[in-house]
Amino acid sequence: MLRIAKSTRRSPAEILDQAERFFGEGGEGLAQTGRNECCISFAGAGGHVAVTLSEEGRERTVEIETREFEYPARRFLERL
């Protein structure tokens, strides 16, 4: 299991939409299992990805917890 994080100034909606495209059906092919204003989660192929946002002032922290998708999780954060 891996837990990594990165700070960004992108909007929460933009981050979650990017995560949906990257990890979902058109990207890594995972099934979306939940979404609300602060997080989105996916599962499939024996693993999972959970993207959680937290805000402090104008900065947002994007935290990803994953099992079996460590490399894609790192790639996603690099592209933010």
C-alpha atoms as a PDB file:
ATOM      1  CA  MET A   1       0.000   0.000   0.000  1.00  0.00           C
ATOM      2  CA  LEU A   2       1.176   3.525  -0.765  1.00  0.00           C
ATOM      3  CA  ARG A   3       0.076   6.905   0.577  1.00  0.00           C
ATOM      4  CA  ILE A   4       1.464  10.017  -1.149  1.00  0.00           C
ATOM      5  CA  ALA A   5       0.480  13.690  -1.313  1.00  0.00           C
ATOM      6  CA  LYS A   6       1.123  16.887  -3.243  1.00  0.00           C
ATOM      7  CA  SER A   7       0.084  20.532  -2.848  1.00  0.00           C
ATOM      8  CA  THR A   8      -1.573  22.389  -5.711  1.00  0.00           C
ATOM      9  CA  ARG A   9      -3.635  25.502  -6.414  1.00  0.00           C
ATOM     10  CA  ARG A  10      -5.979  23.784  -8.873  1.00  0.00           C
ATOM     11  CA  SER A  11      -9.661  23.796  -8.052  1.00  0.00           C
ATOM     12  CA  PRO A  12     -11.201  20.781  -6.319  1.00  0.00           C
ATOM     13  CA  ALA A  13     -13.522  20.129  -9.271  1.00  0.00           C
ATOM     14  CA  GLU A  14     -10.597  20.195 -11.705  1.00  0.00           C
ATOM     15  CA  ILE A  15      -8.571  17.765  -9.580  1.00  0.00           C
ATOM     16  CA  LEU A  16     -11.453  15.327  -9.168  1.00  0.00           C
ATOM     17  CA  ASP A  17     -12.325  15.488 -12.881  1.00  0.00           C
ATOM     18  CA  GLN A  18      -8.700  14.774 -13.790  1.00  0.00           C
ATOM     19  CA  ALA A  19      -8.622  11.839 -11.376  1.00  0.00           C
ATOM     20  CA  GLU A  20     -11.828  10.470 -12.907  1.00  0.00           C
ATOM     21  CA  ARG A  21     -10.334  10.609 -16.415  1.00  0.00           C
ATOM     22  CA  PHE A  22      -6.948   9.249 -15.325  1.00  0.00           C
ATOM     23  CA  PHE A  23      -8.045   6.317 -13.157  1.00  0.00           C
ATOM     24  CA  GLY A  24     -11.524   5.635 -14.572  1.00  0.00           C
ATOM     25  CA  GLU A  25     -12.815   3.802 -17.625  1.00  0.00           C
ATOM     26  CA  GLY A  26     -10.915   5.907 -20.180  1.00  0.00           C
ATOM     27  CA  GLY A  27      -7.610   5.708 -18.285  1.00  0.00           C
ATOM     28  CA  GLU A  28      -6.506   2.919 -15.956  1.00  0.00           C
ATOM     29  CA  GLY A  29      -9.891   1.228 -16.400  1.00  0.00           C
ATOM     30  CA  LEU A  30     -10.943   1.201 -12.749  1.00  0.00           C
ATOM     31  CA  ALA A  31     -14.573   1.369 -11.660  1.00  0.00           C
ATOM     32  CA  GLN A  32     -15.513   4.531  -9.782  1.00  0.00           C
ATOM     33  CA  THR A  33     -16.865   3.535  -6.370  1.00  0.00           C
ATOM     34  CA  GLY A  34     -17.620   6.952  -4.892  1.00  0.00           C
ATOM     35  CA  ARG A  35     -17.336  10.700  -5.345  1.00  0.00           C
ATOM     36  CA  ASN A  36     -18.214  13.805  -3.372  1.00  0.00           C
ATOM     37  CA  GLU A  37     -16.788  17.344  -3.109  1.00  0.00           C
ATOM     38  CA  CYS A  38     -13.590  16.217  -1.338  1.00  0.00           C
ATOM     39  CA  CYS A  39     -12.781  12.761  -2.635  1.00  0.00           C
ATOM     40  CA  ILE A  40     -13.116  10.161  -5.342  1.00  0.00           C
ATOM     41  CA  SER A  41     -12.414   6.435  -5.170  1.00  0.00           C
ATOM     42  CA  PHE A  42     -11.889   3.594  -7.606  1.00  0.00           C
ATOM     43  CA  ALA A  43     -11.507  -0.183  -7.434  1.00  0.00           C
ATOM     44  CA  GLY A  44     -10.598  -3.008  -9.759  1.00  0.00           C
ATOM     45  CA  ALA A  45      -7.944  -5.536 -10.739  1.00  0.00           C
ATOM     46  CA  GLY A  46      -7.444  -6.499  -7.087  1.00  0.00           C
ATOM     47  CA  GLY A  47      -6.594  -2.983  -5.953  1.00  0.00           C
ATOM     48  CA  HIS A  48      -7.983   0.446  -5.195  1.00  0.00           C
ATOM     49  CA  VAL A  49      -7.239   4.169  -5.452  1.00  0.00           C
ATOM     50  CA  ALA A  50      -8.644   6.851  -3.139  1.00  0.00           C
ATOM     51  CA  VAL A  51      -8.003  10.536  -3.906  1.00  0.00           C
ATOM     52  CA  THR A  52      -8.750  12.933  -1.027  1.00  0.00           C
ATOM     53  CA  LEU A  53      -8.513  16.737  -1.016  1.00  0.00           C
ATOM     54  CA  SER A  54      -7.931  19.020   1.929  1.00  0.00           C
ATOM     55  CA  GLU A  55      -7.668  22.813   1.886  1.00  0.00           C
ATOM     56  CA  GLU A  56      -5.633  25.271   3.859  1.00  0.00           C
ATOM     57  CA  GLY A  57      -6.014  28.819   2.602  1.00  0.00           C
ATOM     58  CA  ARG A  58      -5.505  28.899  -1.168  1.00  0.00           C
ATOM     59  CA  GLU A  59      -3.465  25.670  -1.184  1.00  0.00           C
ATOM     60  CA  ARG A  60      -4.994  22.246  -1.626  1.00  0.00           C
ATOM     61  CA  THR A  61      -3.354  18.993  -0.663  1.00  0.00           C
ATOM     62  CA  VAL A  62      -4.121  16.016  -2.852  1.00  0.00           C
ATOM     63  CA  GLU A  63      -3.571  12.745  -1.017  1.00  0.00           C
ATOM     64  CA  ILE A  64      -3.695   9.379  -2.740  1.00  0.00           C
ATOM     65  CA  GLU A  65      -3.921   6.046  -1.006  1.00  0.00           C
ATOM     66  CA  THR A  66      -3.561   3.028  -3.257  1.00  0.00           C
ATOM     67  CA  ARG A  67      -2.928  -0.665  -3.422  1.00  0.00           C
ATOM     68  CA  GLU A  68      -1.676  -2.214  -6.676  1.00  0.00           C
ATOM     69  CA  PHE A  69      -1.655   1.147  -8.520  1.00  0.00           C
ATOM     70  CA  GLU A  70       1.405   2.795  -6.996  1.00  0.00           C
ATOM     71  CA  TYR A  71       3.072   3.731 -10.293  1.00  0.00           C
ATOM     72  CA  PRO A  72      -0.072   5.295 -11.841  1.00  0.00           C
ATOM     73  CA  ALA A  73      -0.706   7.212  -8.595  1.00  0.00           C
ATOM     74  CA  ARG A  74       2.774   8.729  -8.771  1.00  0.00           C
ATOM     75  CA  ARG A  75       2.270   9.615 -12.452  1.00  0.00           C
ATOM     76  CA  PHE A  76      -1.054  11.306 -11.662  1.00  0.00           C
ATOM     77  CA  LEU A  77       0.507  13.530  -8.995  1.00  0.00           C
ATOM     78  CA  GLU A  78       3.415  14.419 -11.286  1.00  0.00           C
ATOM     79  CA  ARG A  79       0.925  15.734 -13.864  1.00  0.00           C
ATOM     80  CA  LEU A  80      -0.928  17.987 -11.416  1.00  0.00           C
END
